PDB file of N, CA and C in Angstrom:
ATOM      1  N   MET A   1     112.458 119.993 133.908  1.00  0.00           N
ATOM      2  CA  MET A   1     113.762 120.481 134.211  1.00  0.00           C
ATOM      3  C   MET A   1     113.644 121.330 135.468  1.00  0.00           C
ATOM      4  N   LYS A   2     114.483 121.033 136.433  1.00  0.00           N
ATOM      5  CA  LYS A   2     114.466 121.752 137.699  1.00  0.00           C
ATOM      6  C   LYS A   2     115.818 122.387 137.967  1.00  0.00           C
ATOM      7  N   ILE A   3     115.794 123.406 138.781  1.00  0.00           N
ATOM      8  CA  ILE A   3     117.015 124.013 139.309  1.00  0.00           C
ATOM      9  C   ILE A   3     116.827 124.069 140.812  1.00  0.00           C
ATOM     10  N   GLY A   4     117.913 123.952 141.542  1.00  0.00           N
ATOM     11  CA  GLY A   4     117.742 123.918 142.990  1.00  0.00           C
ATOM     12  C   GLY A   4     118.890 124.561 143.720  1.00  0.00           C
ATOM     13  N   LEU A   5     118.643 124.826 144.982  1.00  0.00           N
ATOM     14  CA  LEU A   5     119.626 125.377 145.893  1.00  0.00           C
ATOM     15  C   LEU A   5     119.666 124.494 147.118  1.00  0.00           C
ATOM     16  N   ALA A   6     120.853 124.393 147.711  1.00  0.00           N
ATOM     17  CA  ALA A   6     120.979 123.607 148.942  1.00  0.00           C
ATOM     18  C   ALA A   6     121.768 124.394 149.966  1.00  0.00           C
ATOM     19  N   GLN A   7     121.326 124.344 151.208  1.00  0.00           N
ATOM     20  CA  GLN A   7     122.047 124.974 152.301  1.00  0.00           C
ATOM     21  C   GLN A   7     122.883 123.879 152.950  1.00  0.00           C
ATOM     22  N   VAL A   8     124.198 124.109 153.031  1.00  0.00           N
ATOM     23  CA  VAL A   8     125.125 123.120 153.583  1.00  0.00           C
ATOM     24  C   VAL A   8     125.721 123.678 154.870  1.00  0.00           C
ATOM     25  N   THR A   9     125.746 122.854 155.920  1.00  0.00           N
ATOM     26  CA  THR A   9     126.369 123.254 157.166  1.00  0.00           C
ATOM     27  C   THR A   9     127.491 122.305 157.533  1.00  0.00           C
ATOM     28  N   GLY A  10     128.359 122.767 158.412  1.00  0.00           N
ATOM     29  CA  GLY A  10     129.476 121.970 158.871  1.00  0.00           C
ATOM     30  C   GLY A  10     130.589 122.884 159.340  1.00  0.00           C
ATOM     31  N   PRO A  11     131.743 122.325 159.635  1.00  0.00           N
ATOM     32  CA  PRO A  11     132.857 123.138 160.089  1.00  0.00           C
ATOM     33  C   PRO A  11     133.258 124.173 159.025  1.00  0.00           C
ATOM     34  N   ALA A  12     133.661 125.342 159.470  1.00  0.00           N
ATOM     35  CA  ALA A  12     133.987 126.436 158.557  1.00  0.00           C
ATOM     36  C   ALA A  12     135.111 126.061 157.597  1.00  0.00           C
ATOM     37  N   THR A  13     135.936 125.103 157.952  1.00  0.00           N
ATOM     38  CA  THR A  13     137.007 124.688 157.052  1.00  0.00           C
ATOM     39  C   THR A  13     136.531 123.712 155.984  1.00  0.00           C
ATOM     40  N   HIS A  14     135.384 123.056 156.228  1.00  0.00           N
ATOM     41  CA  HIS A  14     134.894 122.046 155.293  1.00  0.00           C
ATOM     42  C   HIS A  14     133.848 122.567 154.296  1.00  0.00           C
ATOM     43  N   VAL A  15     133.006 123.499 154.748  1.00  0.00           N
ATOM     44  CA  VAL A  15     131.899 123.985 153.906  1.00  0.00           C
ATOM     45  C   VAL A  15     132.405 124.571 152.566  1.00  0.00           C
ATOM     46  N   PRO A  16     133.481 125.367 152.542  1.00  0.00           N
ATOM     47  CA  PRO A  16     133.958 125.915 151.258  1.00  0.00           C
ATOM     48  C   PRO A  16     134.404 124.846 150.251  1.00  0.00           C
ATOM     49  N   LYS A  17     134.666 123.637 150.712  1.00  0.00           N
ATOM     50  CA  LYS A  17     135.099 122.559 149.827  1.00  0.00           C
ATOM     51  C   LYS A  17     133.931 121.978 149.030  1.00  0.00           C
ATOM     52  N   VAL A  18     132.690 122.219 149.491  1.00  0.00           N
ATOM     53  CA  VAL A  18     131.524 121.667 148.820  1.00  0.00           C
ATOM     54  C   VAL A  18     131.288 122.431 147.522  1.00  0.00           C
ATOM     55  N   LYS A  19     131.308 121.728 146.410  1.00  0.00           N
ATOM     56  CA  LYS A  19     131.098 122.313 145.075  1.00  0.00           C
ATOM     57  C   LYS A  19     129.718 121.993 144.491  1.00  0.00           C
ATOM     58  N   ALA A  20     129.117 120.919 144.989  1.00  0.00           N
ATOM     59  CA  ALA A  20     127.806 120.479 144.480  1.00  0.00           C
ATOM     60  C   ALA A  20     127.138 119.618 145.533  1.00  0.00           C
ATOM     61  N   VAL A  21     125.848 119.476 145.413  1.00  0.00           N
ATOM     62  CA  VAL A  21     125.071 118.545 146.235  1.00  0.00           C
ATOM     63  C   VAL A  21     124.428 117.550 145.283  1.00  0.00           C
ATOM     64  N   LEU A  22     124.789 116.304 145.454  1.00  0.00           N
ATOM     65  CA  LEU A  22     124.245 115.247 144.579  1.00  0.00           C
ATOM     66  C   LEU A  22     122.973 114.722 145.209  1.00  0.00           C
ATOM     67  N   GLN A  23     121.965 114.459 144.403  1.00  0.00           N
ATOM     68  CA  GLN A  23     120.697 113.946 144.872  1.00  0.00           C
ATOM     69  C   GLN A  23     120.439 112.583 144.256  1.00  0.00           C
ATOM     70  N   LEU A  24     120.237 111.634 145.139  1.00  0.00           N
ATOM     71  CA  LEU A  24     119.867 110.269 144.711  1.00  0.00           C
ATOM     72  C   LEU A  24     118.412 110.046 145.162  1.00  0.00           C
ATOM     73  N   GLU A  25     117.578 109.521 144.274  1.00  0.00           N
ATOM     74  CA  GLU A  25     116.191 109.275 144.601  1.00  0.00           C
ATOM     75  C   GLU A  25     115.845 107.816 144.445  1.00  0.00           C
ATOM     76  N   GLY A  26     114.945 107.364 145.305  1.00  0.00           N
ATOM     77  CA  GLY A  26     114.484 105.994 145.221  1.00  0.00           C
ATOM     78  C   GLY A  26     112.992 105.900 145.499  1.00  0.00           C
ATOM     79  N   ASP A  27     112.268 105.121 144.708  1.00  0.00           N
ATOM     80  CA  ASP A  27     110.847 104.896 144.926  1.00  0.00           C
ATOM     81  C   ASP A  27     110.647 103.474 145.409  1.00  0.00           C
ATOM     82  N   PHE A  28     109.911 103.351 146.488  1.00  0.00           N
ATOM     83  CA  PHE A  28     109.599 102.042 147.049  1.00  0.00           C
ATOM     84  C   PHE A  28     108.081 101.878 147.004  1.00  0.00           C
ATOM     85  N   THR A  29     107.598 100.736 147.446  1.00  0.00           N
ATOM     86  CA  THR A  29     106.146 100.510 147.356  1.00  0.00           C
ATOM     87  C   THR A  29     105.355 101.560 148.142  1.00  0.00           C
ATOM     88  N   ARG A  30     105.766 101.888 149.338  1.00  0.00           N
ATOM     89  CA  ARG A  30     104.984 102.790 150.160  1.00  0.00           C
ATOM     90  C   ARG A  30     105.721 104.058 150.536  1.00  0.00           C
ATOM     91  N   ALA A  31     106.933 104.240 150.018  1.00  0.00           N
ATOM     92  CA  ALA A  31     107.717 105.392 150.396  1.00  0.00           C
ATOM     93  C   ALA A  31     108.608 105.843 149.234  1.00  0.00           C
ATOM     94  N   ARG A  32     109.025 107.083 149.363  1.00  0.00           N
ATOM     95  CA  ARG A  32     109.962 107.635 148.391  1.00  0.00           C
ATOM     96  C   ARG A  32     111.112 108.270 149.188  1.00  0.00           C
ATOM     97  N   ALA A  33     112.335 108.129 148.759  1.00  0.00           N
ATOM     98  CA  ALA A  33     113.469 108.653 149.514  1.00  0.00           C
ATOM     99  C   ALA A  33     114.335 109.525 148.612  1.00  0.00           C
ATOM    100  N   LYS A  34     114.876 110.615 149.208  1.00  0.00           N
ATOM    101  CA  LYS A  34     115.853 111.459 148.523  1.00  0.00           C
ATOM    102  C   LYS A  34     117.057 111.537 149.437  1.00  0.00           C
ATOM    103  N   LEU A  35     118.233 111.248 148.896  1.00  0.00           N
ATOM    104  CA  LEU A  35     119.467 111.313 149.636  1.00  0.00           C
ATOM    105  C   LEU A  35     120.300 112.455 149.041  1.00  0.00           C
ATOM    106  N   LEU A  36     120.648 113.431 149.871  1.00  0.00           N
ATOM    107  CA  LEU A  36     121.405 114.603 149.430  1.00  0.00           C
ATOM    108  C   LEU A  36     122.804 114.515 149.992  1.00  0.00           C
ATOM    109  N   ILE A  37     123.801 114.526 149.133  1.00  0.00           N
ATOM    110  CA  ILE A  37     125.195 114.307 149.521  1.00  0.00           C
ATOM    111  C   ILE A  37     126.071 115.483 149.086  1.00  0.00           C
ATOM    112  N   PRO A  38     126.623 116.252 150.058  1.00  0.00           N
ATOM    113  CA  PRO A  38     127.557 117.306 149.691  1.00  0.00           C
ATOM    114  C   PRO A  38     128.834 116.693 149.079  1.00  0.00           C
ATOM    115  N   SER A  39     129.254 117.211 147.930  1.00  0.00           N
ATOM    116  CA  SER A  39     130.402 116.667 147.204  1.00  0.00           C
ATOM    117  C   SER A  39     131.376 117.775 146.849  1.00  0.00           C
ATOM    118  N   ASN A  40     132.668 117.423 146.783  1.00  0.00           N
ATOM    119  CA  ASN A  40     133.665 118.427 146.367  1.00  0.00           C
ATOM    120  C   ASN A  40     133.951 118.350 144.867  1.00  0.00           C
ATOM    121  N   SER A  41     133.101 117.599 144.132  1.00  0.00           N
ATOM    122  CA  SER A  41     133.253 117.481 142.703  1.00  0.00           C
ATOM    123  C   SER A  41     131.887 117.699 142.029  1.00  0.00           C
ATOM    124  N   MET A  42     131.903 118.335 140.875  1.00  0.00           N
ATOM    125  CA  MET A  42     130.660 118.556 140.125  1.00  0.00           C
ATOM    126  C   MET A  42     130.248 117.314 139.347  1.00  0.00           C
ATOM    127  N   THR A  43     131.149 116.373 139.137  1.00  0.00           N
ATOM    128  CA  THR A  43     130.812 115.226 138.309  1.00  0.00           C
ATOM    129  C   THR A  43     130.882 113.898 139.034  1.00  0.00           C
ATOM    130  N   ASP A  44     131.748 113.777 140.054  1.00  0.00           N
ATOM    131  CA  ASP A  44     131.907 112.516 140.764  1.00  0.00           C
ATOM    132  C   ASP A  44     131.346 112.650 142.196  1.00  0.00           C
ATOM    133  N   LEU A  45     131.029 111.523 142.767  1.00  0.00           N
ATOM    134  CA  LEU A  45     130.564 111.484 144.164  1.00  0.00           C
ATOM    135  C   LEU A  45     131.785 111.443 145.069  1.00  0.00           C
ATOM    136  N   ARG A  46     132.147 112.612 145.600  1.00  0.00           N
ATOM    137  CA  ARG A  46     133.244 112.701 146.545  1.00  0.00           C
ATOM    138  C   ARG A  46     132.715 113.448 147.769  1.00  0.00           C
ATOM    139  N   ARG A  47     132.169 112.718 148.675  1.00  0.00           N
ATOM    140  CA  ARG A  47     131.507 113.296 149.865  1.00  0.00           C
ATOM    141  C   ARG A  47     132.507 114.107 150.682  1.00  0.00           C
ATOM    142  N   VAL A  48     132.027 115.286 151.152  1.00  0.00           N
ATOM    143  CA  VAL A  48     132.818 116.109 152.059  1.00  0.00           C
ATOM    144  C   VAL A  48     132.416 115.730 153.468  1.00  0.00           C
ATOM    145  N   GLN A  49     133.275 114.986 154.153  1.00  0.00           N
ATOM    146  CA  GLN A  49     132.988 114.502 155.496  1.00  0.00           C
ATOM    147  C   GLN A  49     132.744 115.668 156.455  1.00  0.00           C
ATOM    148  N   GLY A  50     131.795 115.504 157.347  1.00  0.00           N
ATOM    149  CA  GLY A  50     131.492 116.513 158.372  1.00  0.00           C
ATOM    150  C   GLY A  50     130.501 117.560 157.920  1.00  0.00           C
ATOM    151  N   THR A  51     130.030 117.517 156.665  1.00  0.00           N
ATOM    152  CA  THR A  51     129.042 118.477 156.181  1.00  0.00           C
ATOM    153  C   THR A  51     127.696 117.800 156.006  1.00  0.00           C
ATOM    154  N   ALA A  52     126.650 118.588 156.000  1.00  0.00           N
ATOM    155  CA  ALA A  52     125.282 118.058 155.829  1.00  0.00           C
ATOM    156  C   ALA A  52     124.414 119.090 155.124  1.00  0.00           C
ATOM    157  N   VAL A  53     123.405 118.628 154.453  1.00  0.00           N
ATOM    158  CA  VAL A  53     122.426 119.514 153.796  1.00  0.00           C
ATOM    159  C   VAL A  53     121.314 119.769 154.817  1.00  0.00           C
ATOM    160  N   THR A  54     121.065 121.050 155.103  1.00  0.00           N
ATOM    161  CA  THR A  54     120.004 121.403 156.074  1.00  0.00           C
ATOM    162  C   THR A  54     118.832 122.117 155.433  1.00  0.00           C
ATOM    163  N   GLY A  55     118.917 122.460 154.163  1.00  0.00           N
ATOM    164  CA  GLY A  55     117.812 123.140 153.505  1.00  0.00           C
ATOM    165  C   GLY A  55     117.883 122.917 151.999  1.00  0.00           C
ATOM    166  N   VAL A  56     116.716 122.845 151.364  1.00  0.00           N
ATOM    167  CA  VAL A  56     116.647 122.612 149.934  1.00  0.00           C
ATOM    168  C   VAL A  56     115.539 123.473 149.340  1.00  0.00           C
ATOM    169  N   VAL A  57     115.807 124.040 148.176  1.00  0.00           N
ATOM    170  CA  VAL A  57     114.804 124.767 147.384  1.00  0.00           C
ATOM    171  C   VAL A  57     114.839 124.179 145.995  1.00  0.00           C
ATOM    172  N   ASP A  58     113.700 123.726 145.473  1.00  0.00           N
ATOM    173  CA  ASP A  58     113.618 123.236 144.092  1.00  0.00           C
ATOM    174  C   ASP A  58     112.672 124.154 143.340  1.00  0.00           C
ATOM    175  N   TYR A  59     113.035 124.492 142.100  1.00  0.00           N
ATOM    176  CA  TYR A  59     112.196 125.325 141.266  1.00  0.00           C
ATOM    177  C   TYR A  59     112.059 124.657 139.918  1.00  0.00           C
ATOM    178  N   GLN A  60     110.824 124.434 139.499  1.00  0.00           N
ATOM    179  CA  GLN A  60     110.536 123.764 138.232  1.00  0.00           C
ATOM    180  C   GLN A  60     110.606 124.776 137.119  1.00  0.00           C
ATOM    181  N   LEU A  61     111.578 124.588 136.215  1.00  0.00           N
ATOM    182  CA  LEU A  61     111.720 125.475 135.048  1.00  0.00           C
ATOM    183  C   LEU A  61     110.760 125.095 133.928  1.00  0.00           C
ATOM    184  N   MET A  62     110.749 123.781 133.603  1.00  0.00           N
ATOM    185  CA  MET A  62     109.904 123.251 132.541  1.00  0.00           C
ATOM    186  C   MET A  62     109.450 121.858 132.924  1.00  0.00           C
ATOM    187  N   ASP A  63     108.307 121.479 132.417  1.00  0.00           N
ATOM    188  CA  ASP A  63     107.810 120.124 132.660  1.00  0.00           C
ATOM    189  C   ASP A  63     107.498 119.512 131.310  1.00  0.00           C
ATOM    190  N   PHE A  64     108.347 118.636 130.839  1.00  0.00           N
ATOM    191  CA  PHE A  64     108.194 118.021 129.530  1.00  0.00           C
ATOM    192  C   PHE A  64     107.166 116.895 129.554  1.00  0.00           C
ATOM    193  N   SER A  65     106.765 116.457 130.728  1.00  0.00           N
ATOM    194  CA  SER A  65     105.854 115.321 130.818  1.00  0.00           C
ATOM    195  C   SER A  65     104.392 115.734 130.629  1.00  0.00           C
ATOM    196  N   LYS A  66     104.059 116.978 130.860  1.00  0.00           N
ATOM    197  CA  LYS A  66     102.679 117.442 130.751  1.00  0.00           C
ATOM    198  C   LYS A  66     102.304 117.676 129.299  1.00  0.00           C
ATOM    199  N   LYS A  67     101.039 117.432 129.011  1.00  0.00           N
ATOM    200  CA  LYS A  67     100.532 117.717 127.663  1.00  0.00           C
ATOM    201  C   LYS A  67     100.373 119.210 127.473  1.00  0.00           C
ATOM    202  N   LYS A  68     100.348 119.646 126.244  1.00  0.00           N
ATOM    203  CA  LYS A  68     100.153 121.049 125.960  1.00  0.00           C
ATOM    204  C   LYS A  68      98.732 121.430 126.376  1.00  0.00           C
ATOM    205  N   PRO A  69      98.548 122.646 126.897  1.00  0.00           N
ATOM    206  CA  PRO A  69      97.206 123.053 127.304  1.00  0.00           C
ATOM    207  C   PRO A  69      96.278 123.133 126.090  1.00  0.00           C
ATOM    208  N   ALA A  70      95.019 122.837 126.322  1.00  0.00           N
ATOM    209  CA  ALA A  70      94.034 122.903 125.257  1.00  0.00           C
ATOM    210  C   ALA A  70      93.840 124.339 124.833  1.00  0.00           C
ATOM    211  N   LYS A  71      93.495 124.515 123.568  1.00  0.00           N
ATOM    212  CA  LYS A  71      93.248 125.870 123.072  1.00  0.00           C
ATOM    213  C   LYS A  71      91.967 126.378 123.724  1.00  0.00           C
ATOM    214  N   PRO A  72      91.925 127.684 124.039  1.00  0.00           N
ATOM    215  CA  PRO A  72      90.707 128.222 124.636  1.00  0.00           C
ATOM    216  C   PRO A  72      89.536 128.124 123.669  1.00  0.00           C
ATOM    217  N   ALA A  73      88.349 127.973 124.229  1.00  0.00           N
ATOM    218  CA  ALA A  73      87.134 127.871 123.407  1.00  0.00           C
ATOM    219  C   ALA A  73      86.936 129.168 122.634  1.00  0.00           C
ATOM    220  N   ALA A  74      86.382 129.051 121.444  1.00  0.00           N
ATOM    221  CA  ALA A  74      86.122 130.233 120.634  1.00  0.00           C
ATOM    222  C   ALA A  74      85.082 131.085 121.307  1.00  0.00           C
ATOM    223  N   LYS A  75      85.234 132.396 121.170  1.00  0.00           N
ATOM    224  CA  LYS A  75      84.263 133.309 121.776  1.00  0.00           C
ATOM    225  C   LYS A  75      82.949 133.224 121.009  1.00  0.00           C
ATOM    226  N   ALA A  76      81.867 133.389 121.740  1.00  0.00           N
ATOM    227  CA  ALA A  76      80.542 133.377 121.114  1.00  0.00           C
ATOM    228  C   ALA A  76      80.423 134.615 120.245  1.00  0.00           C
ATOM    229  N   LYS A  77      79.873 134.433 119.069  1.00  0.00           N
ATOM    230  CA  LYS A  77      79.692 135.582 118.182  1.00  0.00           C
ATOM    231  C   LYS A  77      78.570 136.433 118.704  1.00  0.00           C
ATOM    232  N   SER A  78      78.713 137.754 118.517  1.00  0.00           N
ATOM    233  CA  SER A  78      77.657 138.652 118.985  1.00  0.00           C
ATOM    234  C   SER A  78      76.416 138.471 118.102  1.00  0.00           C
ATOM    235  N   LYS A  79      75.282 138.679 118.742  1.00  0.00           N
ATOM    236  CA  LYS A  79      74.027 138.501 118.029  1.00  0.00           C
ATOM    237  C   LYS A  79      73.830 139.647 117.036  1.00  0.00           C
ATOM    238  N   SER A  80      73.205 139.329 115.919  1.00  0.00           N
ATOM    239  CA  SER A  80      72.912 140.400 114.953  1.00  0.00           C
ATOM    240  C   SER A  80      71.747 141.210 115.496  1.00  0.00           C
ATOM    241  N   LYS A  81      71.494 142.366 114.863  1.00  0.00           N
ATOM    242  CA  LYS A  81      70.446 143.246 115.366  1.00  0.00           C
ATOM    243  C   LYS A  81      69.100 142.549 115.422  1.00  0.00           C
ATOM    244  N   SER A  82      68.828 141.660 114.455  1.00  0.00           N
ATOM    245  CA  SER A  82      67.537 140.983 114.447  1.00  0.00           C
ATOM    246  C   SER A  82      67.421 139.963 115.574  1.00  0.00           C
ATOM    247  N   GLN A  83      68.536 139.467 116.079  1.00  0.00           N
ATOM    248  CA  GLN A  83      68.504 138.460 117.137  1.00  0.00           C
ATOM    249  C   GLN A  83      68.594 139.073 118.541  1.00  0.00           C
ATOM    250  N   LYS A  84      68.848 140.361 118.620  1.00  0.00           N
ATOM    251  CA  LYS A  84      68.992 140.988 119.942  1.00  0.00           C
ATOM    252  C   LYS A  84      67.637 140.992 120.644  1.00  0.00           C
ATOM    253  N   GLN A  85      67.719 141.080 121.974  1.00  0.00           N
ATOM    254  CA  GLN A  85      66.492 141.095 122.776  1.00  0.00           C
ATOM    255  C   GLN A  85      65.707 142.364 122.495  1.00  0.00           C
ATOM    256  N   PRO A  86      64.369 142.287 122.570  1.00  0.00           N
ATOM    257  CA  PRO A  86      63.559 143.484 122.339  1.00  0.00           C
ATOM    258  C   PRO A  86      63.787 144.502 123.467  1.00  0.00           C
ATOM    259  N   PRO A  87      63.539 145.775 123.159  1.00  0.00           N
ATOM    260  CA  PRO A  87      63.739 146.804 124.183  1.00  0.00           C
ATOM    261  C   PRO A  87      62.817 146.552 125.390  1.00  0.00           C
ATOM    262  N   ARG A  88      63.308 146.979 126.552  1.00  0.00           N
ATOM    263  CA  ARG A  88      62.502 146.809 127.784  1.00  0.00           C
ATOM    264  C   ARG A  88      61.395 147.849 127.849  1.00  0.00           C
ATOM    265  N   LYS A  89      60.366 147.519 128.583  1.00  0.00           N
ATOM    266  CA  LYS A  89      59.269 148.480 128.773  1.00  0.00           C
ATOM    267  C   LYS A  89      59.647 149.378 129.938  1.00  0.00           C
ATOM    268  N   ALA A  90      59.199 150.622 129.859  1.00  0.00           N
ATOM    269  CA  ALA A  90      59.503 151.574 130.912  1.00  0.00           C
ATOM    270  C   ALA A  90      58.702 151.229 132.156  1.00  0.00           C
ATOM    271  N   ALA A  91      59.326 151.448 133.300  1.00  0.00           N
ATOM    272  CA  ALA A  91      58.632 151.231 134.570  1.00  0.00           C
ATOM    273  C   ALA A  91      57.566 152.297 134.699  1.00  0.00           C
ATOM    274  N   SER A  92      56.504 151.990 135.432  1.00  0.00           N
ATOM    275  CA  SER A  92      55.438 152.979 135.613  1.00  0.00           C
ATOM    276  C   SER A  92      56.007 154.203 136.302  1.00  0.00           C
ATOM    277  N   GLY A  93      55.618 155.353 135.830  1.00  0.00           N
ATOM    278  CA  GLY A  93      56.086 156.603 136.401  1.00  0.00           C
ATOM    279  C   GLY A  93      57.423 157.053 135.855  1.00  0.00           C
ATOM    280  N   HIS A  94      57.974 156.306 134.872  1.00  0.00           N
ATOM    281  CA  HIS A  94      59.266 156.642 134.302  1.00  0.00           C
ATOM    282  C   HIS A  94      59.109 157.826 133.348  1.00  0.00           C
ATOM    283  N   LYS A  95      59.978 158.798 133.482  1.00  0.00           N
ATOM    284  CA  LYS A  95      59.982 159.930 132.553  1.00  0.00           C
ATOM    285  C   LYS A  95      61.026 159.633 131.484  1.00  0.00           C
ATOM    286  N   HIS A  96      60.583 159.670 130.221  1.00  0.00           N
ATOM    287  CA  HIS A  96      61.516 159.394 129.150  1.00  0.00           C
ATOM    288  C   HIS A  96      62.544 160.525 129.045  1.00  0.00           C
ATOM    289  N   HIS A  97      63.756 160.128 128.732  1.00  0.00           N
ATOM    290  CA  HIS A  97      64.830 161.094 128.633  1.00  0.00           C
ATOM    291  C   HIS A  97      65.647 160.777 127.387  1.00  0.00           C
ATOM    292  N   HIS A  98      66.517 161.687 127.062  1.00  0.00           N
ATOM    293  CA  HIS A  98      67.368 161.490 125.892  1.00  0.00           C
ATOM    294  C   HIS A  98      68.239 160.266 126.122  1.00  0.00           C
ATOM    295  N   GLY A  99      68.243 159.317 125.191  1.00  0.00           N
ATOM    296  CA  GLY A  99      69.061 158.119 125.312  1.00  0.00           C
ATOM    297  C   GLY A  99      68.305 156.928 125.893  1.00  0.00           C
ATOM    298  N   CYS A 100      66.989 157.050 126.114  1.00  0.00           N
ATOM    299  CA  CYS A 100      66.219 155.913 126.616  1.00  0.00           C
ATOM    300  C   CYS A 100      66.345 154.754 125.662  1.00  0.00           C
ATOM    301  N   LYS A 101      66.502 153.548 126.190  1.00  0.00           N
ATOM    302  CA  LYS A 101      66.650 152.345 125.352  1.00  0.00           C
ATOM    303  C   LYS A 101      65.322 151.656 125.097  1.00  0.00           C
ATOM    304  N   HIS A 102      64.314 151.967 125.865  1.00  0.00           N
ATOM    305  CA  HIS A 102      63.008 151.304 125.684  1.00  0.00           C
ATOM    306  C   HIS A 102      62.084 152.214 124.844  1.00  0.00           C
ATOM    307  N   ARG A 103      61.078 151.567 124.331  1.00  0.00           N
ATOM    308  CA  ARG A 103      60.166 152.321 123.464  1.00  0.00           C
ATOM    309  C   ARG A 103      59.326 153.292 124.264  1.00  0.00           C
ATOM    310  N   ARG A 104      59.011 154.359 123.593  1.00  0.00           N
ATOM    311  CA  ARG A 104      58.187 155.381 124.293  1.00  0.00           C
ATOM    312  C   ARG A 104      56.757 155.147 124.036  1.00  0.00           C
TER     313      ARG A 104
END
């Protein structure tokens, strides 16, 4: 589902008559075409002569064609105390202090 905006130009007397811009799309073997038509009706194709679309903004609200994202992988469980790595050895010349993690 998309929502869009169109910039319409033309004579100052004609532009206020534009109520909608209709978009027709066509796919060909090597090309794709979009035809944008300023219309004075929200439901019927009633072209406003002398006006043209000079800018377009499309914003995708939802995409129903995409699959749902995969669930994230489960987090690895923390290792138990018996599986944790052994304490590191102190570097030579290291003075042991309160809170040392390696064996004295």
